[in-house]
Protein backbone atom coordinates (compact mmCIF):
# COMPACT_ATOMS: atom_id res chain seq x y z
CA MET A 1 -25.15 26.59 -4.71
CA PRO A 2 -26.11 30.23 -5.46
CA LEU A 3 -23.38 32.85 -5.94
CA THR A 4 -24.95 35.17 -3.35
CA LYS A 5 -22.82 34.80 -0.24
CA LYS A 6 -24.51 34.68 3.15
CA ARG A 7 -23.58 35.03 6.79
CA ILE A 8 -24.53 31.74 8.40
CA GLY A 9 -24.50 31.01 12.12
CA ILE A 10 -24.54 27.35 13.22
CA VAL A 11 -25.04 26.20 16.80
CA CYS A 12 -23.75 22.80 17.95
CA PRO A 13 -25.23 21.73 21.31
CA TYR A 14 -22.57 19.14 22.20
CA GLY A 15 -18.98 19.55 23.33
CA TRP A 16 -16.89 20.25 20.24
CA ASP A 17 -13.85 18.34 21.45
CA THR A 18 -15.83 15.14 22.16
CA PRO A 19 -16.26 12.76 19.20
CA GLY A 20 -19.84 12.52 17.97
CA GLY A 21 -22.00 12.39 14.88
CA VAL A 22 -23.58 15.81 15.39
CA GLN A 23 -20.20 17.50 15.88
CA SER A 24 -18.86 15.80 12.73
CA HIS A 25 -21.91 16.82 10.74
CA VAL A 26 -21.70 20.46 11.89
CA GLY A 27 -17.96 20.68 11.21
CA ASP A 28 -18.23 19.17 7.74
CA LEU A 29 -21.19 21.39 6.84
CA ALA A 30 -19.40 24.53 8.07
CA GLU A 31 -16.25 23.74 6.11
CA TYR A 32 -18.24 22.92 2.96
CA LEU A 33 -20.15 26.23 3.15
CA ILE A 34 -16.93 28.17 3.79
CA ARG A 35 -15.38 26.63 0.67
CA GLN A 36 -18.44 27.84 -1.25
CA GLY A 37 -17.59 31.39 -0.17
CA HIS A 38 -20.09 31.87 2.66
CA TYR A 39 -19.16 33.36 6.02
CA VAL A 40 -19.81 30.72 8.68
CA SER A 41 -19.48 30.93 12.44
CA VAL A 42 -20.13 27.93 14.71
CA LEU A 43 -20.95 28.30 18.40
CA ALA A 44 -20.30 25.21 20.53
CA PRO A 45 -19.35 24.21 24.07
CA ALA A 46 -15.68 23.30 24.35
CA ILE A 47 -13.36 22.00 27.05
CA ASN A 48 -10.21 23.29 25.37
CA ASP A 49 -10.46 26.63 23.55
CA GLU A 50 -6.92 26.49 22.18
CA ASN A 51 -7.37 23.88 19.45
CA LEU A 52 -10.66 25.03 17.97
CA PRO A 53 -10.94 25.72 14.22
CA ASP A 54 -11.00 29.41 13.30
CA TYR A 55 -14.72 29.25 12.54
CA VAL A 56 -15.68 27.90 16.00
CA THR A 57 -16.46 30.13 18.98
CA SER A 58 -16.53 28.50 22.41
CA ALA A 59 -19.64 29.07 24.51
CA GLY A 60 -17.92 27.69 27.61
CA ARG A 61 -17.14 24.34 29.21
CA PRO A 62 -19.84 21.67 28.86
CA ILE A 63 -21.10 19.35 31.58
CA ALA A 64 -21.84 15.65 31.14
CA ILE A 65 -25.42 14.40 31.39
CA PRO A 66 -26.95 11.00 30.51
CA TYR A 67 -28.94 11.32 27.29
CA ASN A 68 -30.44 8.80 24.86
CA GLY A 69 -28.31 5.88 26.04
CA ALA A 70 -25.04 7.81 26.06
CA VAL A 71 -23.33 10.69 27.88
CA ALA A 72 -23.91 14.07 26.26
CA ARG A 73 -21.68 17.05 27.02
CA VAL A 74 -23.92 20.10 26.92
CA LEU A 75 -24.05 23.67 28.23
CA PHE A 76 -26.97 25.51 29.80
CA GLY A 77 -27.63 28.33 32.25
CA PRO A 78 -27.59 32.14 32.53
CA ILE A 79 -23.88 32.57 31.69
CA ALA A 80 -24.23 30.42 28.59
CA PHE A 81 -27.37 32.37 27.65
CA ALA A 82 -25.43 35.64 27.84
CA ARG A 83 -22.67 34.25 25.62
CA VAL A 84 -25.24 33.01 23.10
CA ARG A 85 -26.84 36.44 22.94
CA GLN A 86 -23.47 38.14 22.48
CA TRP A 87 -22.52 35.77 19.63
CA ILE A 88 -25.87 36.40 17.88
CA ASN A 89 -25.56 40.15 18.34
CA ASN A 90 -22.02 40.20 16.89
CA GLY A 91 -22.77 37.83 14.03
CA SER A 92 -25.22 39.82 11.87
CA PHE A 93 -26.36 36.47 10.47
CA ASP A 94 -28.66 36.04 7.49
CA VAL A 95 -29.77 32.68 8.89
CA LEU A 96 -29.22 30.76 12.12
CA HIS A 97 -28.98 26.95 11.98
CA LEU A 98 -29.67 25.29 15.35
CA HIS A 99 -28.85 21.61 15.85
CA GLU A 100 -30.93 19.70 18.39
CA PRO A 101 -32.84 22.76 19.64
CA ALA A 102 -35.09 20.57 21.81
CA ILE A 103 -32.44 19.48 24.31
CA PRO A 104 -31.18 21.61 27.22
CA SER A 105 -28.12 23.14 25.62
CA ILE A 106 -27.08 26.23 23.69
CA SER A 107 -29.20 25.56 20.58
CA LEU A 108 -32.29 25.85 22.75
CA LEU A 109 -30.89 29.02 24.31
CA ALA A 110 -30.25 30.47 20.85
CA CYS A 111 -33.80 29.67 19.80
CA TRP A 112 -35.04 31.55 22.86
CA ALA A 113 -32.74 34.49 22.22
CA ALA A 114 -33.11 35.05 18.48
CA GLU A 115 -35.71 36.24 15.99
CA GLY A 116 -35.61 35.94 12.21
CA PRO A 117 -34.71 33.08 9.86
CA LEU A 118 -34.14 30.12 12.19
CA VAL A 119 -33.56 26.57 10.90
CA GLY A 120 -33.58 23.64 13.33
CA THR A 121 -32.07 20.21 12.63
CA PHE A 122 -33.29 17.30 14.73
CA HIS A 123 -30.96 14.32 15.08
CA ALA A 124 -32.45 12.33 17.96
CA ALA A 125 -34.47 9.17 17.45
CA ALA A 126 -35.64 7.60 20.69
CA LYS A 127 -38.63 6.40 22.63
CA ARG A 128 -40.74 9.02 24.32
CA GLN A 129 -39.88 8.12 27.88
CA LYS A 130 -36.13 8.19 27.19
CA VAL A 131 -35.69 11.74 25.93
CA THR A 132 -36.13 15.23 27.20
CA PHE A 133 -39.10 15.73 24.89
CA ALA A 134 -41.08 14.91 28.04
CA VAL A 135 -41.00 18.66 28.69
CA ALA A 136 -42.84 19.26 25.42
CA PRO A 137 -45.23 21.89 26.85
CA ILE A 138 -42.21 24.10 27.60
CA LEU A 139 -40.50 23.38 24.30
CA GLU A 140 -43.43 23.78 21.92
CA PRO A 141 -43.49 27.62 21.96
CA VAL A 142 -39.76 27.63 21.28
CA ILE A 143 -39.90 25.10 18.44
CA GLU A 144 -42.74 27.11 16.86
CA LYS A 145 -40.24 29.96 16.37
CA LEU A 146 -38.27 27.88 13.88
CA THR A 147 -38.81 29.05 10.33
CA ALA A 148 -37.92 25.61 8.95
CA ARG A 149 -37.21 22.18 10.43
CA ILE A 150 -34.91 19.42 9.19
CA ALA A 151 -34.78 15.80 10.42
CA VAL A 152 -31.74 13.71 9.51
CA SER A 153 -33.82 10.56 8.93
CA GLU A 154 -37.37 9.25 8.93
CA ALA A 155 -36.70 7.91 12.44
CA ALA A 156 -35.75 11.40 13.63
CA ARG A 157 -38.76 12.91 11.86
CA GLU A 158 -41.11 10.41 13.52
CA THR A 159 -39.57 11.19 16.92
CA LEU A 160 -40.17 14.90 16.35
CA THR A 161 -43.74 14.30 15.19
CA GLU A 162 -44.51 12.04 18.15
CA HIS A 163 -43.11 14.30 20.82
CA LEU A 164 -43.78 17.80 19.55
CA GLU A 165 -46.55 17.19 16.99
CA THR A 166 -44.68 19.02 14.26
CA ASP A 167 -43.07 17.91 11.02
CA ALA A 168 -39.75 18.37 9.24
CA ILE A 169 -38.03 17.98 5.88
CA VAL A 170 -35.81 14.90 5.83
CA VAL A 171 -32.23 15.73 4.81
CA PRO A 172 -29.67 13.05 5.74
CA ASN A 173 -26.33 13.56 7.41
CA GLY A 174 -23.55 14.21 4.94
CA ILE A 175 -20.32 12.35 4.25
CA TYR A 176 -17.39 12.96 1.92
CA ALA A 177 -18.05 9.84 -0.14
CA ASP A 178 -14.96 10.32 -2.31
CA ARG A 179 -12.70 10.00 0.74
CA TYR A 180 -13.68 6.36 1.04
CA ARG A 181 -14.16 5.44 -2.61
CA ASP A 182 -10.57 4.50 -3.45
CA GLY A 183 -9.23 2.88 -0.30
CA SER A 184 -6.21 0.60 -0.68
CA ILE A 185 -6.20 -3.03 0.43
CA ASP A 186 -4.19 -3.44 3.63
CA GLU A 187 -3.09 -7.05 4.11
CA ARG A 188 -3.26 -6.67 7.90
CA TRP A 189 -7.03 -6.36 7.65
CA THR A 190 -7.92 -8.89 4.95
CA GLY A 191 -9.22 -12.46 5.20
CA ASN A 192 -12.16 -13.50 7.34
CA THR A 193 -12.25 -10.20 9.18
CA ILE A 194 -15.09 -8.31 10.80
CA GLY A 195 -14.80 -4.54 11.15
CA PHE A 196 -16.37 -2.32 13.82
CA ILE A 197 -15.87 1.45 14.24
CA GLY A 198 -17.25 3.51 17.10
CA ARG A 199 -17.33 4.21 20.81
CA PHE A 200 -17.25 0.52 21.70
CA GLU A 201 -17.52 1.12 25.46
CA GLU A 202 -21.10 2.38 25.05
CA LYS A 203 -23.42 -0.57 25.52
CA ARG A 204 -25.86 0.70 22.88
CA LYS A 205 -23.14 0.28 20.24
CA GLY A 206 -23.69 -3.46 20.68
CA LEU A 207 -20.17 -4.88 20.85
CA HIS A 208 -21.46 -7.46 23.36
CA ILE A 209 -23.99 -8.64 20.76
CA LEU A 210 -21.18 -9.23 18.28
CA ALA A 211 -19.08 -11.03 20.91
CA ALA A 212 -22.00 -13.33 21.73
CA ALA A 213 -22.34 -14.21 18.03
CA LEU A 214 -18.69 -15.24 17.63
CA PRO A 215 -18.69 -18.81 19.04
CA THR A 216 -21.15 -19.96 16.37
CA VAL A 217 -19.15 -18.18 13.66
CA ILE A 218 -15.86 -19.68 14.91
CA ALA A 219 -17.29 -23.19 14.50
CA GLN A 220 -17.57 -22.48 10.75
CA TYR A 221 -14.65 -20.06 10.34
CA PRO A 222 -11.93 -20.82 12.91
CA ASP A 223 -9.73 -17.98 11.65
CA ILE A 224 -12.34 -15.21 12.14
CA LYS A 225 -11.01 -11.97 13.61
CA VAL A 226 -12.69 -8.78 14.85
CA LEU A 227 -10.95 -5.46 14.17
CA ILE A 228 -12.19 -2.53 16.26
CA ALA A 229 -11.38 1.12 15.60
CA GLY A 230 -12.44 4.06 17.73
CA PRO A 231 -11.94 5.75 21.09
CA GLY A 232 -12.15 3.81 24.33
CA GLU A 233 -10.31 1.56 26.76
CA SER A 234 -9.86 -1.90 25.29
CA ALA A 235 -9.19 -3.45 28.71
CA ALA A 236 -12.58 -2.27 29.97
CA ALA A 237 -14.33 -3.67 26.88
CA LEU A 238 -12.61 -7.04 27.18
CA LYS A 239 -13.84 -7.44 30.76
CA GLU A 240 -17.34 -7.81 29.31
CA ILE A 241 -16.24 -10.49 26.81
CA ASP A 242 -15.58 -14.19 27.42
CA PRO A 243 -11.80 -14.57 27.97
CA SER A 244 -11.70 -17.41 25.45
CA LEU A 245 -12.60 -14.85 22.76
CA HIS A 246 -10.05 -12.16 23.66
CA SER A 247 -7.53 -13.33 21.08
CA ARG A 248 -10.11 -12.74 18.35
CA PHE A 249 -10.21 -8.99 19.02
CA THR A 250 -7.71 -6.39 17.84
CA PHE A 251 -8.22 -2.80 19.02
CA LEU A 252 -6.77 -0.25 16.62
CA GLY A 253 -7.62 2.95 18.53
CA ARG A 254 -8.44 6.07 16.56
CA ILE A 255 -7.63 5.83 12.86
CA SER A 256 -7.21 8.59 10.28
CA GLU A 257 -9.64 9.15 7.41
CA GLU A 258 -7.13 7.58 5.00
CA GLU A 259 -6.76 4.56 7.28
CA LYS A 260 -10.53 4.31 7.57
CA ALA A 261 -10.86 4.15 3.78
CA ASN A 262 -8.25 1.38 3.64
CA PHE A 263 -9.92 -0.42 6.55
CA LEU A 264 -13.32 -0.42 4.84
CA ALA A 265 -11.79 -1.63 1.57
CA SER A 266 -9.95 -4.50 3.28
CA ILE A 267 -12.35 -6.15 5.74
CA ALA A 268 -14.71 -8.94 4.73
CA LEU A 269 -17.70 -7.54 6.62
CA TYR A 270 -18.58 -4.35 8.49
CA ILE A 271 -20.86 -5.02 11.48
CA ALA A 272 -23.10 -2.42 13.17
CA PRO A 273 -24.83 -4.27 16.06
CA ASN A 274 -26.24 -1.10 17.68
CA THR A 275 -29.20 -1.68 19.97
CA GLY A 276 -30.87 1.74 19.65
CA GLY A 277 -30.52 5.47 20.12
CA GLU A 278 -29.34 6.02 16.54
CA SER A 279 -31.09 8.50 14.26
CA PHE A 280 -29.03 7.99 11.11
CA GLY A 281 -25.71 6.14 11.17
CA ILE A 282 -22.94 8.19 9.56
CA ILE A 283 -20.47 5.33 9.91
CA LEU A 284 -22.83 3.07 7.95
CA ALA A 285 -22.95 5.58 5.10
CA GLU A 286 -19.14 5.79 5.19
CA ALA A 287 -18.85 1.99 5.23
CA LEU A 288 -21.07 1.77 2.16
CA ALA A 289 -19.04 4.46 0.39
CA GLY A 290 -15.88 2.51 1.19
CA GLY A 291 -17.21 -0.61 -0.48
CA ALA A 292 -17.72 -2.66 2.67
CA SER A 293 -20.42 -5.30 2.85
CA VAL A 294 -22.51 -4.17 5.82
CA ILE A 295 -24.48 -6.19 8.35
CA ALA A 296 -26.52 -4.01 10.72
CA SER A 297 -29.21 -4.42 13.35
CA ASN A 298 -32.71 -3.70 12.08
CA ILE A 299 -33.30 -0.67 14.31
CA PRO A 300 -35.43 1.89 12.43
CA ALA A 301 -32.61 4.27 11.45
CA PHE A 302 -30.41 1.49 10.05
CA ASP A 303 -33.31 -0.25 8.35
CA SER A 304 -34.16 3.00 6.57
CA LEU A 305 -30.58 3.89 5.66
CA LEU A 306 -29.95 0.43 4.17
CA GLY A 307 -33.11 0.53 2.07
CA HIS A 308 -34.77 -2.22 4.14
CA GLY A 309 -31.97 -4.60 3.19
CA THR A 310 -31.27 -3.51 -0.39
CA TYR A 311 -27.87 -1.95 0.35
CA GLY A 312 -26.83 -4.03 3.35
CA THR A 313 -27.86 -7.05 5.37
CA LEU A 314 -30.12 -6.65 8.39
CA PHE A 315 -30.36 -8.89 11.45
CA GLU A 316 -32.85 -8.87 14.30
CA SER A 317 -31.66 -6.30 16.83
CA GLU A 318 -30.05 -7.82 19.96
CA ASN A 319 -30.34 -11.33 18.50
CA SER A 320 -26.77 -12.63 18.45
CA GLN A 321 -27.81 -15.96 16.95
CA ASP A 322 -29.42 -14.23 13.97
CA LEU A 323 -26.28 -12.10 13.59
CA SER A 324 -24.05 -15.19 13.57
CA LEU A 325 -26.17 -16.80 10.84
CA LYS A 326 -25.99 -13.66 8.69
CA ILE A 327 -22.19 -13.50 9.12
CA ILE A 328 -21.76 -17.17 8.20
CA ASN A 329 -24.03 -16.80 5.17
CA LEU A 330 -22.12 -13.84 3.74
CA LEU A 331 -18.65 -15.20 4.48
CA GLY A 332 -19.66 -18.29 2.53
CA ASP A 333 -20.98 -16.41 -0.51
CA GLU A 334 -18.37 -14.04 -1.90
CA LYS A 335 -20.46 -13.09 -4.95
CA LYS A 336 -23.42 -12.09 -2.81
CA ARG A 337 -21.12 -10.16 -0.51
CA ARG A 338 -19.53 -8.25 -3.40
CA ASP A 339 -22.84 -7.56 -5.15
CA ILE A 340 -24.48 -6.00 -2.12
CA ALA A 341 -21.32 -4.00 -1.37
CA GLN A 342 -21.30 -2.61 -4.92
CA ARG A 343 -24.95 -1.56 -4.67
CA GLY A 344 -24.18 0.17 -1.40
CA LYS A 345 -21.17 1.99 -2.82
CA VAL A 346 -23.24 3.53 -5.62
CA TYR A 347 -26.10 4.39 -3.24
CA ALA A 348 -23.74 6.11 -0.79
CA GLN A 349 -23.23 8.95 -3.27
CA GLU A 350 -26.68 10.22 -2.19
CA PHE A 351 -25.09 11.18 1.15
CA ASP A 352 -22.16 13.07 -0.37
CA TRP A 353 -21.85 16.68 0.79
CA ASP A 354 -22.28 17.94 -2.77
CA VAL A 355 -25.83 16.58 -2.60
CA VAL A 356 -26.66 17.08 1.09
CA ALA A 357 -25.33 20.65 1.44
CA GLU A 358 -27.34 21.73 -1.58
CA LYS A 359 -30.51 20.46 0.11
CA ILE A 360 -29.65 22.22 3.36
CA TYR A 361 -28.95 25.47 1.52
CA ASP A 362 -32.33 25.16 -0.20
CA VAL A 363 -33.88 25.10 3.29
CA TYR A 364 -31.83 28.18 4.24
CA GLU A 365 -33.16 30.03 1.19
CA MET A 366 -36.71 29.04 2.09
CA ALA A 367 -36.14 30.37 5.63
CA MET A 368 -34.64 33.63 4.34
CA VAL A 369 -37.60 34.48 2.10
CA GLY A 370 -38.69 38.01 2.97
CA GLY A 371 -35.21 39.42 3.53
CA ALA A 372 -35.25 39.56 7.35
CA THR A 373 -32.00 38.92 9.21
CA VAL A 374 -31.38 37.29 12.58
CA SER A 375 -31.77 39.61 15.56
CA LEU A 376 -32.12 39.32 19.31
CA SER A 377 -35.48 38.91 20.96
CA SER A 378 -36.38 41.68 23.36
CA GLU A 379 -34.49 41.28 26.63
CA ASN A 380 -37.54 40.72 28.81
CA ARG A 381 -39.33 38.32 26.48
CA ALA A 382 -36.28 36.13 25.89
CA TRP A 383 -35.35 36.12 29.55
CA ASN A 384 -38.88 35.26 30.61
CA LYS A 385 -38.88 32.32 28.23
CA PHE A 386 -35.58 31.18 29.68
CA LEU A 387 -37.03 31.32 33.19
CA GLY A 388 -40.25 29.59 32.09
CA ARG A 389 -42.50 32.48 33.03
């Protein structure tokens, strides 16, 4: 990364204190850039201002709205718009990086409010009728202001192309691959064990698909166990699962990064049965880096990330019978399981922040060509855009 230090503003559209892939990506990117000597300020909605990192400025309390098969906590409106403008005015940024500028939250407001080098990153991958891209005629003039566009995957790029008829450079989400490379074997998690990490209460994460696959697997492997890490109420999840299977599930709650590395090194298989709404799959990249043998649904984002089956095993999305067959096959072939896990571990280095941040910074430099800095749009023009006039 160049020695010239820059002032970089990053806008996160989702509530900072709610777990999510976009928040993780923004936080990791900000901290990486800060370690490289750049000044970085992140603007994000937040419920609790007291526990924010020093580099995060709260734009106010978010509200919950259904979005892309989940609940998104976003912030919009005149008060938020004023706070966005104040943050831009105080920042004197060389470049502004807006995440998900096409959804109704503060990244969109910042795109309305600012002029100069603007980079937008698009994370969403979803069908046309399920996303707010339906208001494309309103969004198109805003998106045209972006100096450069990034999509985190081919699936996200195709969504952007379909809905807004524009293109983007594909730069994947980043992970700290080395954090997961040397996990220690934990005997509690070894044997015929299946691992799952995520917000298991969300139906699109597919825990019910995994549960439906278990009876067939149990017939071949009576000692099979499912270990689940992540936020959520286990009692609520178990209500959706056949009571005869409850003893097969162990809910670990939130685990630390060190525990995650050990978890991925210990389990026999990592399963990602997601049914849709994913644009990349950070946890899949982490699982690969940790040396886990991955089985994932063949939704477009996962199919792409796993190299169409080169670095993990794919099953037909929402087909629990196909999933059970893939689990049985891999549990019965240790060499195959280890070989595919080793390929995935090497491949996961492509998602390390040392690689990904360099690509993002290259986009920043492209956006900053010409020497202009970020400034506010004229009051009337920005406000008129906000009001849709």
